[in-house]
Amino acid sequence: MNGHVMPSPDAAEGTVKYYDGIAFNDVTDVDPYGRIEAEKLKEFLLKLAKQLKFVKENGKYYIQCTYPEIPEGYKWSLGITIFNKDGTTDGILHLDVILNG
């Protein structure tokens, strides 16, 4: 799915599309460098956080996640670090998760 289009009254204001229920305006929600603005990014990150699940299978713990849909041209890169009580760390890194292509 490529978002649901809802044209804005003024073309200079961009086009609003919805991605997993989050409204995204291709003009006002993007900075001059083409990055998603921080406040809009928080909405997508909170949606992701709500979709994380911690499950136990066969005595081991796993993290499951369904990535929310995001606007075309952007991709998820997720890293999780676990800080153990003994001072060591364990981590996972999922790079270049392309959602729209």
N, C-alpha and C. Protein backbone atom coordinates (compact mmCIF):
# COMPACT_ATOMS: atom_id res chain seq x y z
N MET A 1 0.85 -1.17 0.00
CA MET A 1 0.00 0.00 0.00
C MET A 1 0.90 1.23 0.00
N ASN A 2 0.54 2.26 -0.75
CA ASN A 2 1.34 3.47 -0.84
C ASN A 2 0.67 4.65 -0.17
N GLY A 3 -0.07 4.44 0.86
CA GLY A 3 -0.74 5.51 1.57
C GLY A 3 -2.03 5.90 0.89
N HIS A 4 -2.89 6.53 1.62
CA HIS A 4 -4.16 7.00 1.09
C HIS A 4 -4.02 8.48 0.82
N VAL A 5 -4.33 8.91 -0.39
CA VAL A 5 -4.13 10.30 -0.80
C VAL A 5 -5.34 11.14 -0.43
N MET A 6 -5.06 12.31 0.15
CA MET A 6 -6.08 13.31 0.40
C MET A 6 -5.49 14.64 -0.05
N PRO A 7 -5.82 15.10 -1.27
CA PRO A 7 -5.22 16.33 -1.79
C PRO A 7 -5.49 17.53 -0.88
N SER A 8 -4.48 18.37 -0.75
CA SER A 8 -4.63 19.61 0.00
C SER A 8 -5.25 20.65 -0.92
N PRO A 9 -5.92 21.65 -0.35
CA PRO A 9 -6.52 22.68 -1.19
C PRO A 9 -5.50 23.49 -1.97
N ASP A 10 -4.30 23.67 -1.43
CA ASP A 10 -3.26 24.46 -2.07
C ASP A 10 -2.09 23.54 -2.40
N ALA A 11 -1.71 23.45 -3.68
CA ALA A 11 -0.63 22.56 -4.10
C ALA A 11 0.69 22.90 -3.41
N ALA A 12 0.89 24.17 -3.05
CA ALA A 12 2.12 24.58 -2.37
C ALA A 12 2.22 23.96 -0.98
N GLU A 13 1.09 23.55 -0.44
CA GLU A 13 1.07 22.94 0.89
C GLU A 13 1.33 21.45 0.85
N GLY A 14 1.49 20.87 -0.33
CA GLY A 14 1.80 19.46 -0.45
C GLY A 14 0.57 18.57 -0.49
N THR A 15 0.83 17.28 -0.47
CA THR A 15 -0.23 16.27 -0.50
C THR A 15 -0.15 15.45 0.78
N VAL A 16 -1.29 15.21 1.39
CA VAL A 16 -1.34 14.42 2.62
C VAL A 16 -1.69 12.98 2.26
N LYS A 17 -0.87 12.04 2.75
CA LYS A 17 -1.16 10.62 2.62
C LYS A 17 -1.10 10.02 4.01
N TYR A 18 -1.83 8.94 4.21
CA TYR A 18 -1.85 8.27 5.51
C TYR A 18 -1.10 6.96 5.43
N TYR A 19 -0.21 6.75 6.38
CA TYR A 19 0.60 5.54 6.48
C TYR A 19 0.35 4.92 7.85
N ASP A 20 -0.33 3.79 7.86
CA ASP A 20 -0.71 3.14 9.12
C ASP A 20 -1.39 4.11 10.08
N GLY A 21 -2.25 4.96 9.52
CA GLY A 21 -3.02 5.90 10.33
C GLY A 21 -2.32 7.20 10.65
N ILE A 22 -1.10 7.39 10.17
CA ILE A 22 -0.34 8.62 10.45
C ILE A 22 -0.38 9.50 9.21
N ALA A 23 -0.88 10.73 9.37
CA ALA A 23 -0.94 11.68 8.26
C ALA A 23 0.47 12.19 7.96
N PHE A 24 0.84 12.19 6.67
CA PHE A 24 2.16 12.67 6.26
C PHE A 24 1.99 13.62 5.08
N ASN A 25 2.46 14.85 5.24
CA ASN A 25 2.41 15.86 4.19
C ASN A 25 3.79 15.93 3.56
N ASP A 26 3.87 15.69 2.25
CA ASP A 26 5.16 15.61 1.57
C ASP A 26 5.89 16.95 1.47
N VAL A 27 5.27 18.04 1.92
CA VAL A 27 5.94 19.34 1.93
C VAL A 27 6.21 19.80 3.36
N THR A 28 5.18 19.84 4.19
CA THR A 28 5.34 20.41 5.53
C THR A 28 5.98 19.45 6.54
N ASP A 29 5.99 18.15 6.25
CA ASP A 29 6.59 17.19 7.18
C ASP A 29 8.00 16.78 6.79
N VAL A 30 8.61 17.53 5.87
CA VAL A 30 9.96 17.23 5.39
C VAL A 30 10.81 18.48 5.52
N ASP A 31 12.07 18.32 5.99
CA ASP A 31 12.97 19.47 6.11
C ASP A 31 13.60 19.78 4.75
N PRO A 32 14.37 20.88 4.66
CA PRO A 32 14.97 21.26 3.37
C PRO A 32 15.93 20.21 2.78
N TYR A 33 16.38 19.27 3.59
CA TYR A 33 17.30 18.22 3.12
C TYR A 33 16.56 16.94 2.75
N GLY A 34 15.23 16.95 2.83
CA GLY A 34 14.45 15.78 2.46
C GLY A 34 14.22 14.79 3.59
N ARG A 35 14.64 15.15 4.80
CA ARG A 35 14.45 14.27 5.95
C ARG A 35 13.08 14.53 6.58
N ILE A 36 12.50 13.48 7.16
CA ILE A 36 11.23 13.65 7.87
C ILE A 36 11.49 14.50 9.11
N GLU A 37 10.63 15.50 9.32
CA GLU A 37 10.77 16.39 10.48
C GLU A 37 10.70 15.59 11.79
N ALA A 38 11.40 16.07 12.81
CA ALA A 38 11.54 15.35 14.08
C ALA A 38 10.19 15.01 14.71
N GLU A 39 9.26 15.94 14.75
CA GLU A 39 7.97 15.67 15.38
C GLU A 39 7.19 14.59 14.64
N LYS A 40 7.25 14.59 13.32
CA LYS A 40 6.56 13.56 12.53
C LYS A 40 7.26 12.23 12.70
N LEU A 41 8.58 12.26 12.76
CA LEU A 41 9.36 11.04 12.96
C LEU A 41 8.98 10.37 14.29
N LYS A 42 8.75 11.17 15.31
CA LYS A 42 8.34 10.63 16.61
C LYS A 42 7.04 9.83 16.49
N GLU A 43 6.11 10.31 15.66
CA GLU A 43 4.85 9.58 15.48
C GLU A 43 5.10 8.19 14.90
N PHE A 44 5.99 8.11 13.90
CA PHE A 44 6.31 6.81 13.30
C PHE A 44 7.05 5.91 14.29
N LEU A 45 7.95 6.50 15.09
CA LEU A 45 8.70 5.71 16.07
C LEU A 45 7.79 5.19 17.18
N LEU A 46 6.84 6.00 17.63
CA LEU A 46 5.90 5.54 18.65
C LEU A 46 5.03 4.41 18.11
N LYS A 47 4.65 4.52 16.84
CA LYS A 47 3.87 3.44 16.21
C LYS A 47 4.70 2.15 16.20
N LEU A 48 5.98 2.26 15.85
CA LEU A 48 6.87 1.10 15.85
C LEU A 48 6.99 0.51 17.26
N ALA A 49 7.18 1.38 18.25
CA ALA A 49 7.34 0.90 19.63
C ALA A 49 6.11 0.13 20.10
N LYS A 50 4.93 0.57 19.69
CA LYS A 50 3.70 -0.12 20.08
C LYS A 50 3.59 -1.49 19.42
N GLN A 51 4.33 -1.72 18.35
CA GLN A 51 4.25 -2.98 17.63
C GLN A 51 5.36 -3.96 18.01
N LEU A 52 6.26 -3.55 18.91
CA LEU A 52 7.30 -4.46 19.40
C LEU A 52 6.69 -5.45 20.38
N LYS A 53 7.08 -6.70 20.26
CA LYS A 53 6.62 -7.73 21.19
C LYS A 53 7.84 -8.49 21.70
N PHE A 54 7.85 -8.78 22.98
CA PHE A 54 8.90 -9.57 23.59
C PHE A 54 8.29 -10.92 23.95
N VAL A 55 8.79 -11.98 23.33
CA VAL A 55 8.20 -13.31 23.51
C VAL A 55 9.25 -14.30 23.99
N LYS A 56 8.78 -15.32 24.70
CA LYS A 56 9.67 -16.38 25.17
C LYS A 56 9.27 -17.68 24.47
N GLU A 57 10.26 -18.29 23.81
CA GLU A 57 10.04 -19.56 23.12
C GLU A 57 11.17 -20.51 23.47
N ASN A 58 10.82 -21.70 23.93
CA ASN A 58 11.81 -22.71 24.28
C ASN A 58 12.89 -22.19 25.23
N GLY A 59 12.49 -21.37 26.19
CA GLY A 59 13.41 -20.86 27.19
C GLY A 59 14.25 -19.67 26.75
N LYS A 60 14.06 -19.19 25.52
CA LYS A 60 14.81 -18.03 25.03
C LYS A 60 13.84 -16.89 24.75
N TYR A 61 14.35 -15.68 24.90
CA TYR A 61 13.53 -14.50 24.64
C TYR A 61 13.85 -13.94 23.26
N TYR A 62 12.80 -13.49 22.58
CA TYR A 62 12.93 -12.92 21.24
C TYR A 62 12.16 -11.62 21.16
N ILE A 63 12.60 -10.76 20.25
CA ILE A 63 11.88 -9.53 19.97
C ILE A 63 11.24 -9.68 18.60
N GLN A 64 9.92 -9.47 18.54
CA GLN A 64 9.21 -9.51 17.28
C GLN A 64 8.70 -8.11 16.97
N CYS A 65 8.69 -7.77 15.69
CA CYS A 65 8.27 -6.43 15.31
C CYS A 65 7.64 -6.45 13.93
N THR A 66 6.58 -5.69 13.78
CA THR A 66 6.01 -5.42 12.47
C THR A 66 6.29 -3.95 12.19
N TYR A 67 7.06 -3.70 11.15
CA TYR A 67 7.40 -2.31 10.82
C TYR A 67 6.18 -1.58 10.28
N PRO A 68 5.88 -0.40 10.80
CA PRO A 68 4.78 0.39 10.25
C PRO A 68 5.13 0.85 8.83
N GLU A 69 4.10 1.05 8.05
CA GLU A 69 4.29 1.59 6.71
C GLU A 69 4.81 3.02 6.84
N ILE A 70 5.76 3.39 5.98
CA ILE A 70 6.30 4.75 5.96
C ILE A 70 6.26 5.27 4.53
N PRO A 71 6.43 6.59 4.34
CA PRO A 71 6.35 7.17 3.00
C PRO A 71 7.38 6.60 2.03
N GLU A 72 7.02 6.64 0.75
CA GLU A 72 7.91 6.18 -0.31
C GLU A 72 9.24 6.92 -0.23
N GLY A 73 10.32 6.21 -0.50
CA GLY A 73 11.65 6.82 -0.50
C GLY A 73 12.36 6.79 0.84
N TYR A 74 11.67 6.35 1.88
CA TYR A 74 12.28 6.23 3.20
C TYR A 74 12.35 4.76 3.57
N LYS A 75 13.24 4.42 4.50
CA LYS A 75 13.36 3.03 4.93
C LYS A 75 13.67 2.98 6.42
N TRP A 76 13.33 1.86 7.02
CA TRP A 76 13.62 1.64 8.43
C TRP A 76 15.03 1.10 8.60
N SER A 77 15.68 1.53 9.66
CA SER A 77 16.95 0.95 10.11
C SER A 77 16.83 0.85 11.62
N LEU A 78 16.68 -0.37 12.13
CA LEU A 78 16.39 -0.56 13.55
C LEU A 78 17.56 -1.21 14.26
N GLY A 79 17.96 -0.64 15.38
CA GLY A 79 18.99 -1.24 16.22
C GLY A 79 18.50 -1.27 17.66
N ILE A 80 18.73 -2.38 18.33
CA ILE A 80 18.32 -2.52 19.74
C ILE A 80 19.53 -3.02 20.52
N THR A 81 19.86 -2.33 21.61
CA THR A 81 20.95 -2.75 22.48
C THR A 81 20.38 -3.10 23.84
N ILE A 82 20.80 -4.24 24.37
CA ILE A 82 20.38 -4.67 25.70
C ILE A 82 21.58 -4.50 26.63
N PHE A 83 21.41 -3.74 27.70
CA PHE A 83 22.47 -3.51 28.68
C PHE A 83 22.26 -4.50 29.83
N ASN A 84 23.13 -5.48 29.92
CA ASN A 84 23.03 -6.52 30.94
C ASN A 84 23.51 -6.02 32.30
N LYS A 85 23.06 -6.66 33.36
CA LYS A 85 23.43 -6.26 34.72
C LYS A 85 24.93 -6.35 34.96
N ASP A 86 25.62 -7.26 34.27
CA ASP A 86 27.07 -7.41 34.48
C ASP A 86 27.90 -6.39 33.70
N GLY A 87 27.23 -5.43 33.05
CA GLY A 87 27.95 -4.39 32.32
C GLY A 87 28.18 -4.68 30.85
N THR A 88 27.89 -5.89 30.41
CA THR A 88 28.05 -6.23 29.00
C THR A 88 26.80 -5.81 28.23
N THR A 89 26.92 -5.83 26.91
CA THR A 89 25.78 -5.50 26.07
C THR A 89 25.55 -6.57 25.02
N ASP A 90 24.34 -6.71 24.61
CA ASP A 90 23.95 -7.54 23.49
C ASP A 90 23.12 -6.66 22.58
N GLY A 91 23.25 -6.87 21.30
CA GLY A 91 22.47 -6.03 20.41
C GLY A 91 22.10 -6.72 19.12
N ILE A 92 21.10 -6.16 18.50
CA ILE A 92 20.71 -6.59 17.16
C ILE A 92 20.59 -5.35 16.30
N LEU A 93 20.85 -5.51 15.04
CA LEU A 93 20.78 -4.39 14.12
C LEU A 93 20.18 -4.89 12.82
N HIS A 94 19.08 -4.28 12.42
CA HIS A 94 18.44 -4.61 11.15
C HIS A 94 18.56 -3.37 10.28
N LEU A 95 19.39 -3.45 9.27
CA LEU A 95 19.62 -2.31 8.39
C LEU A 95 18.85 -2.45 7.09
N ASP A 96 18.55 -1.31 6.52
CA ASP A 96 18.00 -1.25 5.17
C ASP A 96 16.75 -2.09 4.97
N VAL A 97 15.81 -1.93 5.85
CA VAL A 97 14.53 -2.60 5.68
C VAL A 97 13.71 -1.73 4.74
N ILE A 98 13.60 -2.14 3.50
CA ILE A 98 12.89 -1.35 2.50
C ILE A 98 11.43 -1.77 2.51
N LEU A 99 10.55 -0.82 2.75
CA LEU A 99 9.15 -1.14 2.89
C LEU A 99 8.35 -0.95 1.61
N ASN A 100 8.81 -0.10 0.75
CA ASN A 100 8.02 0.25 -0.43
C ASN A 100 8.77 -0.05 -1.71
N GLY A 101 9.23 -1.27 -1.87
CA GLY A 101 9.91 -1.56 -3.12
C GLY A 101 10.78 -2.77 -3.05
